[in-house]
Every structure is written in structure tokens, then in C-alpha cells.
PDB file of all heavy atoms in Angstrom:
ATOM      1  N   TYR A   1      -4.404   9.301 -17.890  1.00  0.00           N
ATOM      2  CA  TYR A   1      -3.737   8.233 -17.099  1.00  0.00           C
ATOM      3  C   TYR A   1      -3.384   7.066 -17.989  1.00  0.00           C
ATOM      4  O   TYR A   1      -2.305   6.477 -17.850  1.00  0.00           O
ATOM      5  CB  TYR A   1      -4.670   7.777 -15.990  1.00  0.00           C
ATOM      6  CG  TYR A   1      -4.679   8.654 -14.771  1.00  0.00           C
ATOM      7  CD1 TYR A   1      -5.661   9.616 -14.590  1.00  0.00           C
ATOM      8  CD2 TYR A   1      -3.730   8.533 -13.774  1.00  0.00           C
ATOM      9  CE1 TYR A   1      -5.671  10.443 -13.456  1.00  0.00           C
ATOM     10  CE2 TYR A   1      -3.720   9.335 -12.633  1.00  0.00           C
ATOM     11  CZ  TYR A   1      -4.707  10.299 -12.498  1.00  0.00           C
ATOM     12  OH  TYR A   1      -4.708  11.077 -11.379  1.00  0.00           O
ATOM     13  N   GLN A   2      -4.284   6.666 -18.890  1.00  0.00           N
ATOM     14  CA  GLN A   2      -4.018   5.520 -19.745  1.00  0.00           C
ATOM     15  C   GLN A   2      -2.858   5.804 -20.692  1.00  0.00           C
ATOM     16  O   GLN A   2      -2.055   4.901 -20.965  1.00  0.00           O
ATOM     17  CB  GLN A   2      -5.268   5.157 -20.520  1.00  0.00           C
ATOM     18  CG  GLN A   2      -6.369   4.583 -19.653  1.00  0.00           C
ATOM     19  CD  GLN A   2      -7.598   4.181 -20.416  1.00  0.00           C
ATOM     20  OE1 GLN A   2      -7.965   4.854 -21.399  1.00  0.00           O
ATOM     21  NE2 GLN A   2      -8.276   3.106 -20.000  1.00  0.00           N
ATOM     22  N   ASP A   3      -2.780   7.018 -21.221  1.00  0.00           N
ATOM     23  CA  ASP A   3      -1.659   7.399 -22.062  1.00  0.00           C
ATOM     24  C   ASP A   3      -0.347   7.296 -21.308  1.00  0.00           C
ATOM     25  O   ASP A   3       0.663   6.819 -21.852  1.00  0.00           O
ATOM     26  CB  ASP A   3      -1.833   8.849 -22.565  1.00  0.00           C
ATOM     27  CG  ASP A   3      -2.943   8.956 -23.630  1.00  0.00           C
ATOM     28  OD1 ASP A   3      -3.416   7.890 -24.093  1.00  0.00           O
ATOM     29  OD2 ASP A   3      -3.340  10.082 -23.913  1.00  0.00           O
ATOM     30  N   ALA A   4      -0.332   7.757 -20.058  1.00  0.00           N
ATOM     31  CA  ALA A   4       0.871   7.657 -19.265  1.00  0.00           C
ATOM     32  C   ALA A   4       1.221   6.202 -18.957  1.00  0.00           C
ATOM     33  O   ALA A   4       2.386   5.806 -18.977  1.00  0.00           O
ATOM     34  CB  ALA A   4       0.692   8.453 -17.967  1.00  0.00           C
ATOM     35  N   TRP A   5       0.207   5.376 -18.674  1.00  0.00           N
ATOM     36  CA  TRP A   5       0.427   3.983 -18.410  1.00  0.00           C
ATOM     37  C   TRP A   5       1.103   3.299 -19.595  1.00  0.00           C
ATOM     38  O   TRP A   5       1.994   2.464 -19.421  1.00  0.00           O
ATOM     39  CB  TRP A   5      -0.913   3.312 -18.099  1.00  0.00           C
ATOM     40  CG  TRP A   5      -0.850   1.860 -17.759  1.00  0.00           C
ATOM     41  CD1 TRP A   5      -0.389   0.819 -18.532  1.00  0.00           C
ATOM     42  CD2 TRP A   5      -1.302   1.255 -16.524  1.00  0.00           C
ATOM     43  NE1 TRP A   5      -0.523  -0.375 -17.862  1.00  0.00           N
ATOM     44  CE2 TRP A   5      -1.067  -0.144 -16.631  1.00  0.00           C
ATOM     45  CE3 TRP A   5      -1.875   1.750 -15.370  1.00  0.00           C
ATOM     46  CZ2 TRP A   5      -1.400  -1.030 -15.615  1.00  0.00           C
ATOM     47  CZ3 TRP A   5      -2.194   0.869 -14.334  1.00  0.00           C
ATOM     48  CH2 TRP A   5      -1.932  -0.510 -14.446  1.00  0.00           C
ATOM     49  N   ALA A   6       0.685   3.683 -20.806  1.00  0.00           N
ATOM     50  CA  ALA A   6       1.262   3.082 -22.025  1.00  0.00           C
ATOM     51  C   ALA A   6       2.724   3.440 -22.203  1.00  0.00           C
ATOM     52  O   ALA A   6       3.477   2.695 -22.858  1.00  0.00           O
ATOM     53  CB  ALA A   6       0.452   3.521 -23.237  1.00  0.00           C
ATOM     54  N   LEU A   7       3.146   4.553 -21.659  1.00  0.00           N
ATOM     55  CA  LEU A   7       4.547   5.044 -21.873  1.00  0.00           C
ATOM     56  C   LEU A   7       5.483   4.512 -20.806  1.00  0.00           C
ATOM     57  O   LEU A   7       6.678   4.409 -21.052  1.00  0.00           O
ATOM     58  CB  LEU A   7       4.566   6.571 -21.842  1.00  0.00           C
ATOM     59  CG  LEU A   7       4.022   7.259 -23.078  1.00  0.00           C
ATOM     60  CD1 LEU A   7       3.919   8.771 -22.842  1.00  0.00           C
ATOM     61  CD2 LEU A   7       4.890   7.004 -24.307  1.00  0.00           C
ATOM     62  N   TYR A   8       4.969   4.208 -19.619  1.00  0.00           N
ATOM     63  CA  TYR A   8       5.800   3.797 -18.495  1.00  0.00           C
ATOM     64  C   TYR A   8       5.351   2.448 -17.957  1.00  0.00           C
ATOM     65  O   TYR A   8       4.287   1.942 -18.353  1.00  0.00           O
ATOM     66  CB  TYR A   8       5.793   4.850 -17.380  1.00  0.00           C
ATOM     67  CG  TYR A   8       6.002   6.244 -17.896  1.00  0.00           C
ATOM     68  CD1 TYR A   8       4.907   7.125 -18.094  1.00  0.00           C
ATOM     69  CD2 TYR A   8       7.264   6.729 -18.248  1.00  0.00           C
ATOM     70  CE1 TYR A   8       5.085   8.402 -18.600  1.00  0.00           C
ATOM     71  CE2 TYR A   8       7.450   8.015 -18.757  1.00  0.00           C
ATOM     72  CZ  TYR A   8       6.336   8.837 -18.917  1.00  0.00           C
ATOM     73  OH  TYR A   8       6.516  10.084 -19.432  1.00  0.00           O
ATOM     74  N   ASP A   9       6.111   1.854 -17.077  1.00  0.00           N
ATOM     75  CA  ASP A   9       5.726   0.585 -16.494  1.00  0.00           C
ATOM     76  C   ASP A   9       4.585   0.808 -15.486  1.00  0.00           C
ATOM     77  O   ASP A   9       4.390   1.911 -14.950  1.00  0.00           O
ATOM     78  CB  ASP A   9       6.883  -0.118 -15.813  1.00  0.00           C
ATOM     79  CG  ASP A   9       7.458   0.674 -14.649  1.00  0.00           C
ATOM     80  OD1 ASP A   9       8.285   1.590 -14.927  1.00  0.00           O
ATOM     81  OD2 ASP A   9       7.029   0.480 -13.516  1.00  0.00           O
ATOM     82  N   GLU A  10       3.823  -0.246 -15.209  1.00  0.00           N
ATOM     83  CA  GLU A  10       2.643  -0.108 -14.371  1.00  0.00           C
ATOM     84  C   GLU A  10       2.979   0.288 -12.935  1.00  0.00           C
ATOM     85  O   GLU A  10       2.164   0.904 -12.235  1.00  0.00           O
ATOM     86  CB  GLU A  10       1.806  -1.383 -14.368  1.00  0.00           C
ATOM     87  CG  GLU A  10       2.461  -2.554 -13.661  1.00  0.00           C
ATOM     88  CD  GLU A  10       1.490  -3.738 -13.611  1.00  0.00           C
ATOM     89  OE1 GLU A  10       1.039  -4.188 -14.685  1.00  0.00           O
ATOM     90  OE2 GLU A  10       1.200  -4.184 -12.480  1.00  0.00           O
ATOM     91  N   ASN A  11       4.201  -0.022 -12.486  1.00  0.00           N
ATOM     92  CA  ASN A  11       4.587   0.335 -11.126  1.00  0.00           C
ATOM     93  C   ASN A  11       4.751   1.842 -10.980  1.00  0.00           C
ATOM     94  O   ASN A  11       4.664   2.401  -9.891  1.00  0.00           O
ATOM     95  CB  ASN A  11       5.897  -0.341 -10.747  1.00  0.00           C
ATOM     96  CG  ASN A  11       5.732  -1.822 -10.574  1.00  0.00           C
ATOM     97  OD1 ASN A  11       4.700  -2.301 -10.137  1.00  0.00           O
ATOM     98  ND2 ASN A  11       6.745  -2.595 -10.953  1.00  0.00           N
ATOM     99  N   THR A  12       4.961   2.534 -12.102  1.00  0.00           N
ATOM    100  CA  THR A  12       5.156   4.003 -12.078  1.00  0.00           C
ATOM    101  C   THR A  12       3.811   4.704 -12.005  1.00  0.00           C
ATOM    102  O   THR A  12       3.625   5.705 -11.308  1.00  0.00           O
ATOM    103  CB  THR A  12       5.914   4.453 -13.317  1.00  0.00           C
ATOM    104  OG1 THR A  12       7.182   3.803 -13.361  1.00  0.00           O
ATOM    105  CG2 THR A  12       6.141   5.956 -13.297  1.00  0.00           C
ATOM    106  N   ILE A  13       2.819   4.188 -12.749  1.00  0.00           N
ATOM    107  CA  ILE A  13       1.540   4.871 -12.875  1.00  0.00           C
ATOM    108  C   ILE A  13       0.414   4.163 -12.130  1.00  0.00           C
ATOM    109  O   ILE A  13      -0.583   4.765 -11.745  1.00  0.00           O
ATOM    110  CB  ILE A  13       1.148   4.998 -14.382  1.00  0.00           C
ATOM    111  CG1 ILE A  13       2.214   5.734 -15.151  1.00  0.00           C
ATOM    112  CG2 ILE A  13      -0.204   5.695 -14.548  1.00  0.00           C
ATOM    113  CD1 ILE A  13       2.430   7.180 -14.677  1.00  0.00           C
ATOM    114  N   GLY A  14       0.581   2.854 -11.931  1.00  0.00           N
ATOM    115  CA  GLY A  14      -0.520   2.009 -11.431  1.00  0.00           C
ATOM    116  C   GLY A  14      -1.144   2.481 -10.128  1.00  0.00           C
ATOM    117  O   GLY A  14      -2.382   2.437  -9.988  1.00  0.00           O
ATOM    118  N   GLY A  15      -0.333   2.912  -9.176  1.00  0.00           N
ATOM    119  CA  GLY A  15      -0.863   3.346  -7.884  1.00  0.00           C
ATOM    120  C   GLY A  15      -1.753   4.565  -8.019  1.00  0.00           C
ATOM    121  O   GLY A  15      -2.864   4.588  -7.524  1.00  0.00           O
ATOM    122  N   ALA A  16      -1.238   5.578  -8.728  1.00  0.00           N
ATOM    123  CA  ALA A  16      -1.998   6.833  -8.910  1.00  0.00           C
ATOM    124  C   ALA A  16      -3.272   6.547  -9.720  1.00  0.00           C
ATOM    125  O   ALA A  16      -4.327   7.128  -9.398  1.00  0.00           O
ATOM    126  CB  ALA A  16      -1.137   7.874  -9.597  1.00  0.00           C
ATOM    127  N   TYR A  17      -3.152   5.701 -10.727  1.00  0.00           N
ATOM    128  CA  TYR A  17      -4.330   5.438 -11.578  1.00  0.00           C
ATOM    129  C   TYR A  17      -5.408   4.679 -10.779  1.00  0.00           C
ATOM    130  O   TYR A  17      -6.588   4.962 -10.894  1.00  0.00           O
ATOM    131  CB  TYR A  17      -3.903   4.642 -12.787  1.00  0.00           C
ATOM    132  CG  TYR A  17      -4.992   4.397 -13.798  1.00  0.00           C
ATOM    133  CD1 TYR A  17      -5.882   5.415 -14.150  1.00  0.00           C
ATOM    134  CD2 TYR A  17      -5.167   3.157 -14.429  1.00  0.00           C
ATOM    135  CE1 TYR A  17      -6.903   5.211 -15.085  1.00  0.00           C
ATOM    136  CE2 TYR A  17      -6.162   2.928 -15.349  1.00  0.00           C
ATOM    137  CZ  TYR A  17      -7.047   3.970 -15.708  1.00  0.00           C
ATOM    138  OH  TYR A  17      -8.029   3.751 -16.621  1.00  0.00           O
ATOM    139  N   GLY A  18      -4.976   3.733  -9.978  1.00  0.00           N
ATOM    140  CA  GLY A  18      -5.938   2.975  -9.173  1.00  0.00           C
ATOM    141  C   GLY A  18      -6.685   3.903  -8.199  1.00  0.00           C
ATOM    142  O   GLY A  18      -7.914   3.772  -8.031  1.00  0.00           O
ATOM    143  N   ASN A  19      -5.955   4.832  -7.586  1.00  0.00           N
ATOM    144  CA  ASN A  19      -6.580   5.763  -6.671  1.00  0.00           C
ATOM    145  C   ASN A  19      -7.575   6.676  -7.402  1.00  0.00           C
ATOM    146  O   ASN A  19      -8.655   6.979  -6.896  1.00  0.00           O
ATOM    147  CB  ASN A  19      -5.521   6.617  -5.983  1.00  0.00           C
ATOM    148  CG  ASN A  19      -4.698   5.835  -4.975  1.00  0.00           C
ATOM    149  OD1 ASN A  19      -5.125   4.797  -4.494  1.00  0.00           O
ATOM    150  ND2 ASN A  19      -3.504   6.300  -4.723  1.00  0.00           N
ATOM    151  N   PHE A  20      -7.182   7.085  -8.612  1.00  0.00           N
ATOM    152  CA  PHE A  20      -8.087   7.904  -9.419  1.00  0.00           C
ATOM    153  C   PHE A  20      -9.377   7.133  -9.761  1.00  0.00           C
ATOM    154  O   PHE A  20     -10.476   7.696  -9.666  1.00  0.00           O
ATOM    155  CB  PHE A  20      -7.413   8.342 -10.709  1.00  0.00           C
ATOM    156  CG  PHE A  20      -8.375   8.808 -11.758  1.00  0.00           C
ATOM    157  CD1 PHE A  20      -9.051  10.023 -11.648  1.00  0.00           C
ATOM    158  CD2 PHE A  20      -8.680   8.012 -12.868  1.00  0.00           C
ATOM    159  CE1 PHE A  20      -9.963  10.433 -12.588  1.00  0.00           C
ATOM    160  CE2 PHE A  20      -9.579   8.425 -13.817  1.00  0.00           C
ATOM    161  CZ  PHE A  20     -10.239   9.657 -13.691  1.00  0.00           C
ATOM    162  N   LEU A  21      -9.244   5.862 -10.178  1.00  0.00           N
ATOM    163  CA  LEU A  21     -10.419   5.074 -10.526  1.00  0.00           C
ATOM    164  C   LEU A  21     -11.396   4.949  -9.341  1.00  0.00           C
ATOM    165  O   LEU A  21     -12.593   5.096  -9.513  1.00  0.00           O
ATOM    166  CB  LEU A  21      -9.972   3.700 -11.041  1.00  0.00           C
ATOM    167  CG  LEU A  21      -9.265   3.650 -12.396  1.00  0.00           C
ATOM    168  CD1 LEU A  21      -8.765   2.240 -12.646  1.00  0.00           C
ATOM    169  CD2 LEU A  21     -10.194   4.112 -13.503  1.00  0.00           C
ATOM    170  N   VAL A  22     -10.821   4.690  -8.164  1.00  0.00           N
ATOM    171  CA  VAL A  22     -11.679   4.572  -6.972  1.00  0.00           C
ATOM    172  C   VAL A  22     -12.383   5.904  -6.710  1.00  0.00           C
ATOM    173  O   VAL A  22     -13.627   5.936  -6.501  1.00  0.00           O
ATOM    174  CB  VAL A  22     -10.817   4.205  -5.746  1.00  0.00           C
ATOM    175  CG1 VAL A  22     -11.670   4.328  -4.460  1.00  0.00           C
ATOM    176  CG2 VAL A  22     -10.294   2.783  -5.889  1.00  0.00           C
ATOM    177  N   ASN A  23     -11.640   6.981  -6.757  1.00  0.00           N
ATOM    178  CA  ASN A  23     -12.220   8.308  -6.489  1.00  0.00           C
ATOM    179  C   ASN A  23     -13.274   8.640  -7.539  1.00  0.00           C
ATOM    180  O   ASN A  23     -14.323   9.240  -7.244  1.00  0.00           O
ATOM    181  CB  ASN A  23     -11.131   9.362  -6.466  1.00  0.00           C
ATOM    182  CG  ASN A  23     -11.633  10.698  -6.065  1.00  0.00           C
ATOM    183  OD1 ASN A  23     -12.256  10.882  -5.014  1.00  0.00           O
ATOM    184  ND2 ASN A  23     -11.417  11.711  -6.912  1.00  0.00           N
ATOM    185  N   ALA A  24     -12.985   8.294  -8.794  1.00  0.00           N
ATOM    186  CA  ALA A  24     -13.910   8.611  -9.872  1.00  0.00           C
ATOM    187  C   ALA A  24     -15.236   7.854  -9.691  1.00  0.00           C
ATOM    188  O   ALA A  24     -16.326   8.438  -9.869  1.00  0.00           O
ATOM    189  CB  ALA A  24     -13.306   8.225 -11.213  1.00  0.00           C
ATOM    190  N   VAL A  25     -15.166   6.563  -9.334  1.00  0.00           N
ATOM    191  CA  VAL A  25     -16.386   5.794  -9.125  1.00  0.00           C
ATOM    192  C   VAL A  25     -17.224   6.412  -8.010  1.00  0.00           C
ATOM    193  O   VAL A  25     -18.429   6.616  -8.145  1.00  0.00           O
ATOM    194  CB  VAL A  25     -16.049   4.302  -8.794  1.00  0.00           C
ATOM    195  CG1 VAL A  25     -17.319   3.562  -8.375  1.00  0.00           C
ATOM    196  CG2 VAL A  25     -15.397   3.624  -9.992  1.00  0.00           C
ATOM    197  N   VAL A  26     -16.582   6.741  -6.895  1.00  0.00           N
ATOM    198  CA  VAL A  26     -17.312   7.272  -5.755  1.00  0.00           C
ATOM    199  C   VAL A  26     -17.899   8.646  -6.079  1.00  0.00           C
ATOM    200  O   VAL A  26     -19.048   8.923  -5.755  1.00  0.00           O
ATOM    201  CB  VAL A  26     -16.386   7.356  -4.506  1.00  0.00           C
ATOM    202  CG1 VAL A  26     -17.072   8.087  -3.372  1.00  0.00           C
ATOM    203  CG2 VAL A  26     -15.963   5.962  -4.071  1.00  0.00           C
ATOM    204  N   THR A  27     -17.101   9.498  -6.747  1.00  0.00           N
ATOM    205  CA  THR A  27     -17.596  10.852  -7.089  1.00  0.00           C
ATOM    206  C   THR A  27     -18.742  10.789  -8.072  1.00  0.00           C
ATOM    207  O   THR A  27     -19.762  11.465  -7.902  1.00  0.00           O
ATOM    208  CB  THR A  27     -16.450  11.679  -7.685  1.00  0.00           C
ATOM    209  OG1 THR A  27     -15.391  11.825  -6.701  1.00  0.00           O
ATOM    210  CG2 THR A  27     -16.926  13.064  -8.087  1.00  0.00           C
ATOM    211  N   LEU A  28     -18.628   9.975  -9.106  1.00  0.00           N
ATOM    212  CA  LEU A  28     -19.714   9.827 -10.060  1.00  0.00           C
ATOM    213  C   LEU A  28     -20.977   9.317  -9.416  1.00  0.00           C
ATOM    214  O   LEU A  28     -22.084   9.762  -9.681  1.00  0.00           O
ATOM    215  CB  LEU A  28     -19.292   8.906 -11.218  1.00  0.00           C
ATOM    216  CG  LEU A  28     -18.235   9.457 -12.160  1.00  0.00           C
ATOM    217  CD1 LEU A  28     -17.596   8.341 -13.018  1.00  0.00           C
ATOM    218  CD2 LEU A  28     -18.836  10.540 -13.088  1.00  0.00           C
ATOM    219  N   TYR A  29     -20.811   8.367  -8.497  1.00  0.00           N
ATOM    220  CA  TYR A  29     -21.927   7.798  -7.788  1.00  0.00           C
ATOM    221  C   TYR A  29     -22.629   8.863  -6.955  1.00  0.00           C
ATOM    222  O   TYR A  29     -23.858   8.999  -6.953  1.00  0.00           O
ATOM    223  CB  TYR A  29     -21.444   6.654  -6.896  1.00  0.00           C
ATOM    224  CG  TYR A  29     -22.515   5.881  -6.169  1.00  0.00           C
ATOM    225  CD1 TYR A  29     -22.983   4.663  -6.689  1.00  0.00           C
ATOM    226  CD2 TYR A  29     -23.019   6.296  -4.938  1.00  0.00           C
ATOM    227  CE1 TYR A  29     -23.950   3.941  -6.025  1.00  0.00           C
ATOM    228  CE2 TYR A  29     -23.996   5.574  -4.253  1.00  0.00           C
ATOM    229  CZ  TYR A  29     -24.454   4.392  -4.808  1.00  0.00           C
ATOM    230  OH  TYR A  29     -25.409   3.667  -4.151  1.00  0.00           O
TER     231      TYR A  29
END
């Protein structure tokens, strides 16, 4: 996700990345 964020603007990747971060925190917990 971070690699993709670096290549494109945050509006393109930001939504999907934010959802992933939330899901990752909850799943890891």
C-alpha cells in the first residue's frame, strides 16, 4: 500500500489504505 501511495496521489490510494489499516489493527488485536 505504501509503495502504491508513493506512486499516486493520496486520493487514489488513501481510502483503501485507511480501510486496510483499520482492518489490520482489529484483526491483529
